[in-house]
Amino acid sequence: MTLQPAWLSVTEANTYFETRIDGAEFWVTGLTKADEILLSQRDIELSSAFDFDDLLDGEDLIEANVTDELKAAVCEQILFRLKEPSAEKRMHLMSMGVRDTKVVGERWVKGVSAVTIAPRALPYLAAFRSGGESTIEWTR
């Protein structure tokens, strides 16, 4: 997979966060905003649950195909990352396939992405769903 240029600008992200509840609290001066945009977009791009081939012409981004929904999904992923710094530890476990634990076992998922996608970003990404995960149960 080819990583794409940013789907939205810092100006577009600023506009989104001005109207998003809690947005202005976390999208503050001092952040490297362009880097936050790319990092959160990469989270989404690298997830096995989505297919973004329609955004590309070879390796070039077709900017007209980048919808407002995709831009909103990136903004929600940014907010998720900024509000949940402990998510990195959970993502590490999830990258190994652990989805939840029980007293007698764990639930693992085959073909997992190493990245957790923000729950509020998922509805914006529905059109790009590829169905890339399957679950297995493991008990001791």
N, C-alpha and C. Protein backbone atom coordinates (compact mmCIF):
# COMPACT_ATOMS: atom_id res chain seq x y z
N MET A 1 0.82 -1.18 0.00
CA MET A 1 0.00 0.00 0.00
C MET A 1 0.87 1.24 0.00
N THR A 2 0.49 2.21 -0.81
CA THR A 2 1.20 3.48 -0.88
C THR A 2 0.56 4.45 0.09
N LEU A 3 1.37 5.05 0.95
CA LEU A 3 0.85 6.06 1.86
C LEU A 3 0.59 7.33 1.07
N GLN A 4 -0.51 7.97 1.35
CA GLN A 4 -0.99 9.10 0.57
C GLN A 4 -0.65 10.42 1.24
N PRO A 5 -0.65 11.51 0.45
CA PRO A 5 -0.51 12.83 1.08
C PRO A 5 -1.72 13.09 1.97
N ALA A 6 -1.62 14.08 2.80
CA ALA A 6 -2.70 14.39 3.76
C ALA A 6 -4.02 14.61 3.04
N TRP A 7 -5.08 14.05 3.61
CA TRP A 7 -6.42 14.18 3.05
C TRP A 7 -7.04 15.53 3.39
N LEU A 8 -6.50 16.21 4.39
CA LEU A 8 -7.03 17.52 4.74
C LEU A 8 -5.90 18.42 5.21
N SER A 9 -6.15 19.71 5.17
CA SER A 9 -5.15 20.69 5.57
C SER A 9 -5.33 21.05 7.05
N VAL A 10 -4.33 21.71 7.59
CA VAL A 10 -4.43 22.19 8.97
C VAL A 10 -5.59 23.18 9.09
N THR A 11 -5.80 24.00 8.08
CA THR A 11 -6.91 24.96 8.09
C THR A 11 -8.25 24.24 8.16
N GLU A 12 -8.42 23.17 7.37
CA GLU A 12 -9.66 22.39 7.41
C GLU A 12 -9.85 21.73 8.77
N ALA A 13 -8.77 21.24 9.35
CA ALA A 13 -8.85 20.63 10.68
C ALA A 13 -9.21 21.67 11.73
N ASN A 14 -8.62 22.86 11.63
CA ASN A 14 -8.96 23.95 12.55
C ASN A 14 -10.45 24.25 12.50
N THR A 15 -11.00 24.31 11.30
CA THR A 15 -12.43 24.59 11.12
C THR A 15 -13.27 23.48 11.75
N TYR A 16 -12.89 22.23 11.55
CA TYR A 16 -13.63 21.11 12.12
C TYR A 16 -13.65 21.20 13.65
N PHE A 17 -12.48 21.43 14.23
CA PHE A 17 -12.38 21.43 15.69
C PHE A 17 -13.02 22.65 16.34
N GLU A 18 -13.21 23.74 15.59
CA GLU A 18 -13.90 24.91 16.14
C GLU A 18 -15.35 24.57 16.49
N THR A 19 -15.96 23.65 15.76
CA THR A 19 -17.37 23.32 15.98
C THR A 19 -17.57 21.98 16.67
N ARG A 20 -16.53 21.25 16.95
CA ARG A 20 -16.61 19.93 17.58
C ARG A 20 -16.54 20.08 19.09
N ILE A 21 -17.50 19.51 19.81
CA ILE A 21 -17.46 19.55 21.27
C ILE A 21 -16.15 18.91 21.73
N ASP A 22 -15.46 19.53 22.63
CA ASP A 22 -14.14 19.11 23.15
C ASP A 22 -13.00 19.31 22.15
N GLY A 23 -13.31 19.69 20.93
CA GLY A 23 -12.26 19.81 19.91
C GLY A 23 -11.24 20.86 20.23
N ALA A 24 -11.70 22.06 20.55
CA ALA A 24 -10.79 23.17 20.82
C ALA A 24 -9.92 22.91 22.04
N GLU A 25 -10.42 22.11 22.97
CA GLU A 25 -9.67 21.80 24.19
C GLU A 25 -8.40 21.00 23.89
N PHE A 26 -8.47 20.15 22.88
CA PHE A 26 -7.34 19.27 22.58
C PHE A 26 -6.54 19.70 21.36
N TRP A 27 -7.16 20.42 20.44
CA TRP A 27 -6.50 20.87 19.22
C TRP A 27 -5.93 22.25 19.49
N VAL A 28 -4.79 22.28 20.18
CA VAL A 28 -4.26 23.53 20.73
C VAL A 28 -2.95 23.91 20.07
N THR A 29 -2.59 25.17 20.26
CA THR A 29 -1.30 25.65 19.80
C THR A 29 -0.21 24.86 20.53
N GLY A 30 0.85 24.54 19.82
CA GLY A 30 1.93 23.77 20.42
C GLY A 30 2.00 22.35 19.86
N LEU A 31 0.87 21.89 19.35
CA LEU A 31 0.88 20.60 18.66
C LEU A 31 1.52 20.79 17.29
N THR A 32 2.14 19.77 16.80
CA THR A 32 2.58 19.79 15.41
C THR A 32 1.39 19.26 14.61
N LYS A 33 0.51 20.17 14.24
CA LYS A 33 -0.79 19.80 13.69
C LYS A 33 -0.69 19.02 12.39
N ALA A 34 0.21 19.42 11.51
CA ALA A 34 0.36 18.68 10.24
C ALA A 34 0.78 17.24 10.52
N ASP A 35 1.65 17.05 11.50
CA ASP A 35 2.08 15.70 11.86
C ASP A 35 0.93 14.90 12.48
N GLU A 36 0.13 15.54 13.31
CA GLU A 36 -1.03 14.87 13.91
C GLU A 36 -2.01 14.41 12.82
N ILE A 37 -2.22 15.25 11.82
CA ILE A 37 -3.10 14.89 10.70
C ILE A 37 -2.56 13.65 9.99
N LEU A 38 -1.28 13.67 9.64
CA LEU A 38 -0.70 12.54 8.91
C LEU A 38 -0.68 11.26 9.75
N LEU A 39 -0.33 11.38 11.02
CA LEU A 39 -0.27 10.20 11.88
C LEU A 39 -1.65 9.56 12.02
N SER A 40 -2.66 10.38 12.23
CA SER A 40 -4.02 9.84 12.38
C SER A 40 -4.54 9.28 11.06
N GLN A 41 -4.21 9.94 9.97
CA GLN A 41 -4.59 9.41 8.66
C GLN A 41 -3.91 8.07 8.41
N ARG A 42 -2.64 7.96 8.79
CA ARG A 42 -1.92 6.69 8.61
C ARG A 42 -2.57 5.57 9.42
N ASP A 43 -3.03 5.89 10.64
CA ASP A 43 -3.76 4.90 11.43
C ASP A 43 -4.90 4.31 10.61
N ILE A 44 -5.66 5.19 9.99
CA ILE A 44 -6.82 4.76 9.21
C ILE A 44 -6.39 4.01 7.96
N GLU A 45 -5.41 4.55 7.24
CA GLU A 45 -4.94 3.92 6.00
C GLU A 45 -4.41 2.51 6.23
N LEU A 46 -3.71 2.32 7.34
CA LEU A 46 -3.05 1.04 7.59
C LEU A 46 -3.96 0.01 8.22
N SER A 47 -5.18 0.39 8.55
CA SER A 47 -6.14 -0.57 9.10
C SER A 47 -6.55 -1.55 8.02
N SER A 48 -6.61 -2.82 8.38
CA SER A 48 -7.02 -3.85 7.42
C SER A 48 -8.53 -3.84 7.19
N ALA A 49 -9.25 -3.00 7.91
CA ALA A 49 -10.71 -2.99 7.82
C ALA A 49 -11.24 -2.10 6.69
N PHE A 50 -10.36 -1.35 6.03
CA PHE A 50 -10.82 -0.40 5.03
C PHE A 50 -10.01 -0.51 3.74
N ASP A 51 -10.65 -0.13 2.63
CA ASP A 51 -10.01 -0.16 1.32
C ASP A 51 -10.14 1.23 0.71
N PHE A 52 -9.00 1.86 0.44
CA PHE A 52 -8.99 3.22 -0.08
C PHE A 52 -8.48 3.30 -1.51
N ASP A 53 -8.57 2.20 -2.26
CA ASP A 53 -8.07 2.18 -3.64
C ASP A 53 -8.76 3.22 -4.53
N ASP A 54 -10.02 3.55 -4.23
CA ASP A 54 -10.74 4.54 -5.04
C ASP A 54 -10.16 5.95 -4.91
N LEU A 55 -9.29 6.14 -3.94
CA LEU A 55 -8.68 7.46 -3.76
C LEU A 55 -7.43 7.64 -4.60
N LEU A 56 -7.00 6.56 -5.25
CA LEU A 56 -5.72 6.61 -5.96
C LEU A 56 -5.87 6.41 -7.46
N ASP A 57 -5.00 7.06 -8.20
CA ASP A 57 -4.80 6.82 -9.62
C ASP A 57 -3.34 6.41 -9.71
N GLY A 58 -3.09 5.11 -9.72
CA GLY A 58 -1.73 4.62 -9.58
C GLY A 58 -1.29 4.89 -8.16
N GLU A 59 -0.29 5.75 -8.01
CA GLU A 59 0.15 6.14 -6.67
C GLU A 59 -0.23 7.58 -6.33
N ASP A 60 -0.97 8.24 -7.22
CA ASP A 60 -1.35 9.63 -7.01
C ASP A 60 -2.72 9.73 -6.37
N LEU A 61 -2.85 10.64 -5.41
CA LEU A 61 -4.11 10.88 -4.74
C LEU A 61 -5.06 11.63 -5.67
N ILE A 62 -6.29 11.16 -5.76
CA ILE A 62 -7.33 11.87 -6.50
C ILE A 62 -8.07 12.72 -5.47
N GLU A 63 -7.68 13.98 -5.37
CA GLU A 63 -8.21 14.85 -4.31
C GLU A 63 -9.72 15.00 -4.37
N ALA A 64 -10.30 14.91 -5.57
CA ALA A 64 -11.75 15.05 -5.70
C ALA A 64 -12.48 13.89 -5.02
N ASN A 65 -11.82 12.76 -4.82
CA ASN A 65 -12.44 11.59 -4.18
C ASN A 65 -12.31 11.62 -2.66
N VAL A 66 -11.57 12.57 -2.12
CA VAL A 66 -11.44 12.70 -0.66
C VAL A 66 -12.67 13.45 -0.16
N THR A 67 -13.56 12.71 0.47
CA THR A 67 -14.84 13.27 0.89
C THR A 67 -14.74 14.00 2.23
N ASP A 68 -15.77 14.77 2.53
CA ASP A 68 -15.84 15.42 3.84
C ASP A 68 -15.90 14.36 4.95
N GLU A 69 -16.48 13.21 4.65
CA GLU A 69 -16.54 12.12 5.64
C GLU A 69 -15.14 11.61 5.98
N LEU A 70 -14.27 11.47 4.97
CA LEU A 70 -12.90 11.04 5.25
C LEU A 70 -12.16 12.07 6.09
N LYS A 71 -12.37 13.34 5.77
CA LYS A 71 -11.72 14.39 6.55
C LYS A 71 -12.22 14.38 7.99
N ALA A 72 -13.52 14.18 8.17
CA ALA A 72 -14.07 14.10 9.53
C ALA A 72 -13.52 12.89 10.26
N ALA A 73 -13.35 11.76 9.56
CA ALA A 73 -12.80 10.56 10.19
C ALA A 73 -11.38 10.82 10.69
N VAL A 74 -10.57 11.51 9.90
CA VAL A 74 -9.21 11.84 10.34
C VAL A 74 -9.25 12.74 11.56
N CYS A 75 -10.14 13.72 11.57
CA CYS A 75 -10.25 14.62 12.72
C CYS A 75 -10.68 13.85 13.96
N GLU A 76 -11.61 12.92 13.82
CA GLU A 76 -12.04 12.12 14.97
C GLU A 76 -10.91 11.22 15.46
N GLN A 77 -10.10 10.70 14.54
CA GLN A 77 -8.95 9.88 14.94
C GLN A 77 -7.93 10.73 15.68
N ILE A 78 -7.73 11.96 15.23
CA ILE A 78 -6.83 12.88 15.92
C ILE A 78 -7.31 13.09 17.36
N LEU A 79 -8.58 13.42 17.50
CA LEU A 79 -9.13 13.69 18.83
C LEU A 79 -9.03 12.46 19.72
N PHE A 80 -9.29 11.29 19.16
CA PHE A 80 -9.17 10.03 19.90
C PHE A 80 -7.74 9.84 20.41
N ARG A 81 -6.77 10.08 19.55
CA ARG A 81 -5.36 9.93 19.95
C ARG A 81 -4.98 10.94 21.03
N LEU A 82 -5.45 12.17 20.90
CA LEU A 82 -5.09 13.21 21.86
C LEU A 82 -5.77 13.02 23.21
N LYS A 83 -7.00 12.52 23.19
CA LYS A 83 -7.76 12.33 24.44
C LYS A 83 -7.38 11.04 25.16
N GLU A 84 -6.87 10.06 24.45
CA GLU A 84 -6.60 8.74 25.01
C GLU A 84 -5.13 8.35 24.86
N PRO A 85 -4.22 9.03 25.56
CA PRO A 85 -2.80 8.69 25.40
C PRO A 85 -2.48 7.26 25.83
N SER A 86 -3.30 6.67 26.71
CA SER A 86 -3.05 5.29 27.14
C SER A 86 -3.46 4.28 26.06
N ALA A 87 -4.08 4.75 25.00
CA ALA A 87 -4.52 3.85 23.94
C ALA A 87 -3.33 3.14 23.28
N GLU A 88 -2.15 3.74 23.33
CA GLU A 88 -0.97 3.10 22.73
C GLU A 88 -0.70 1.74 23.36
N LYS A 89 -0.89 1.62 24.69
CA LYS A 89 -0.66 0.34 25.36
C LYS A 89 -1.68 -0.70 24.90
N ARG A 90 -2.94 -0.27 24.78
CA ARG A 90 -3.97 -1.19 24.29
C ARG A 90 -3.70 -1.57 22.84
N MET A 91 -3.25 -0.62 22.04
CA MET A 91 -2.95 -0.91 20.64
C MET A 91 -1.85 -1.96 20.52
N HIS A 92 -0.89 -1.92 21.43
CA HIS A 92 0.19 -2.91 21.41
C HIS A 92 -0.39 -4.31 21.61
N LEU A 93 -1.26 -4.48 22.60
CA LEU A 93 -1.90 -5.78 22.81
C LEU A 93 -2.77 -6.17 21.61
N MET A 94 -3.49 -5.20 21.09
CA MET A 94 -4.36 -5.48 19.95
C MET A 94 -3.57 -5.86 18.71
N SER A 95 -2.36 -5.31 18.57
CA SER A 95 -1.53 -5.67 17.42
C SER A 95 -1.13 -7.13 17.45
N MET A 96 -1.17 -7.73 18.66
CA MET A 96 -0.89 -9.15 18.79
C MET A 96 -2.15 -9.98 18.62
N GLY A 97 -3.29 -9.29 18.44
CA GLY A 97 -4.53 -10.00 18.18
C GLY A 97 -5.48 -10.09 19.36
N VAL A 98 -5.07 -9.62 20.54
CA VAL A 98 -5.95 -9.70 21.70
C VAL A 98 -7.05 -8.65 21.55
N ARG A 99 -8.32 -9.07 21.65
CA ARG A 99 -9.43 -8.14 21.57
C ARG A 99 -10.11 -7.97 22.92
N ASP A 100 -10.21 -9.02 23.72
CA ASP A 100 -10.69 -8.89 25.08
C ASP A 100 -10.23 -10.11 25.86
N THR A 101 -10.30 -10.00 27.17
CA THR A 101 -9.87 -11.11 28.02
C THR A 101 -11.01 -11.51 28.94
N LYS A 102 -10.95 -12.77 29.35
CA LYS A 102 -11.93 -13.33 30.28
C LYS A 102 -11.15 -14.06 31.36
N VAL A 103 -11.83 -14.53 32.36
CA VAL A 103 -11.16 -15.27 33.42
C VAL A 103 -10.49 -16.52 32.85
N VAL A 104 -11.12 -17.17 31.89
CA VAL A 104 -10.59 -18.44 31.37
C VAL A 104 -10.01 -18.35 29.97
N GLY A 105 -9.87 -17.18 29.41
CA GLY A 105 -9.30 -17.11 28.06
C GLY A 105 -9.35 -15.72 27.47
N GLU A 106 -8.89 -15.63 26.24
CA GLU A 106 -8.88 -14.37 25.52
C GLU A 106 -9.61 -14.55 24.20
N ARG A 107 -10.06 -13.46 23.64
CA ARG A 107 -10.62 -13.48 22.30
C ARG A 107 -9.60 -12.82 21.39
N TRP A 108 -9.17 -13.54 20.36
CA TRP A 108 -8.16 -13.07 19.43
C TRP A 108 -8.81 -12.86 18.07
N VAL A 109 -8.25 -11.99 17.30
CA VAL A 109 -8.78 -11.73 15.97
C VAL A 109 -7.68 -11.97 14.95
N LYS A 110 -7.99 -12.79 13.94
CA LYS A 110 -7.03 -13.02 12.85
C LYS A 110 -7.00 -11.81 11.94
N GLY A 111 -5.83 -11.54 11.38
CA GLY A 111 -5.71 -10.47 10.41
C GLY A 111 -5.99 -9.10 10.96
N VAL A 112 -5.56 -8.85 12.20
CA VAL A 112 -5.88 -7.58 12.84
C VAL A 112 -4.98 -6.46 12.37
N SER A 113 -5.50 -5.28 12.49
CA SER A 113 -4.72 -4.08 12.30
C SER A 113 -4.03 -3.80 13.63
N ALA A 114 -2.86 -3.21 13.59
CA ALA A 114 -2.15 -2.87 14.82
C ALA A 114 -2.66 -1.57 15.41
N VAL A 115 -3.69 -1.00 14.82
CA VAL A 115 -4.16 0.32 15.20
C VAL A 115 -5.64 0.28 15.56
N THR A 116 -6.00 0.97 16.61
CA THR A 116 -7.41 1.11 16.97
C THR A 116 -7.96 2.35 16.28
N ILE A 117 -9.10 2.18 15.62
CA ILE A 117 -9.74 3.31 14.96
C ILE A 117 -10.77 3.90 15.92
N ALA A 118 -10.80 5.21 16.00
CA ALA A 118 -11.72 5.91 16.89
C ALA A 118 -13.16 5.50 16.58
N PRO A 119 -13.93 5.13 17.62
CA PRO A 119 -15.32 4.75 17.38
C PRO A 119 -16.12 5.83 16.65
N ARG A 120 -15.87 7.11 16.93
CA ARG A 120 -16.60 8.17 16.25
C ARG A 120 -16.15 8.35 14.80
N ALA A 121 -15.02 7.78 14.40
CA ALA A 121 -14.57 7.85 13.01
C ALA A 121 -15.23 6.77 12.16
N LEU A 122 -15.63 5.67 12.78
CA LEU A 122 -16.15 4.52 12.02
C LEU A 122 -17.35 4.83 11.13
N PRO A 123 -18.35 5.58 11.58
CA PRO A 123 -19.46 5.87 10.66
C PRO A 123 -19.02 6.64 9.40
N TYR A 124 -18.03 7.49 9.55
CA TYR A 124 -17.53 8.25 8.40
C TYR A 124 -16.78 7.36 7.41
N LEU A 125 -16.31 6.21 7.88
CA LEU A 125 -15.52 5.30 7.04
C LEU A 125 -16.34 4.15 6.48
N ALA A 126 -17.63 4.12 6.76
CA ALA A 126 -18.48 2.98 6.38
C ALA A 126 -18.40 2.65 4.88
N ALA A 127 -18.31 3.65 4.03
CA ALA A 127 -18.26 3.41 2.59
C ALA A 127 -16.97 2.71 2.15
N PHE A 128 -15.97 2.71 3.00
CA PHE A 128 -14.67 2.12 2.66
C PHE A 128 -14.41 0.79 3.35
N ARG A 129 -15.40 0.28 4.06
CA ARG A 129 -15.25 -0.97 4.83
C ARG A 129 -14.89 -2.12 3.90
N SER A 130 -13.86 -2.88 4.26
CA SER A 130 -13.46 -4.02 3.46
C SER A 130 -13.76 -5.35 4.14
N GLY A 131 -14.16 -5.31 5.42
CA GLY A 131 -14.47 -6.54 6.14
C GLY A 131 -13.25 -7.38 6.42
N GLY A 132 -12.14 -6.76 6.81
CA GLY A 132 -10.87 -7.44 6.92
C GLY A 132 -10.56 -8.20 8.19
N GLU A 133 -11.49 -8.42 9.13
CA GLU A 133 -11.15 -9.12 10.35
C GLU A 133 -12.04 -10.33 10.58
N SER A 134 -11.49 -11.37 11.22
CA SER A 134 -12.29 -12.52 11.65
C SER A 134 -11.85 -12.90 13.05
N THR A 135 -12.78 -13.34 13.88
CA THR A 135 -12.51 -13.57 15.30
C THR A 135 -12.37 -15.06 15.59
N ILE A 136 -11.44 -15.40 16.49
CA ILE A 136 -11.33 -16.76 17.00
C ILE A 136 -11.33 -16.71 18.52
N GLU A 137 -11.85 -17.73 19.17
CA GLU A 137 -11.84 -17.81 20.63
C GLU A 137 -10.72 -18.75 21.06
N TRP A 138 -10.07 -18.41 22.14
CA TRP A 138 -9.04 -19.27 22.71
C TRP A 138 -9.29 -19.38 24.20
N THR A 139 -9.39 -20.58 24.71
CA THR A 139 -9.58 -20.76 26.15
C THR A 139 -8.52 -21.67 26.70
N ARG A 140 -8.22 -21.49 27.95
CA ARG A 140 -7.19 -22.31 28.60
C ARG A 140 -7.82 -23.54 29.20
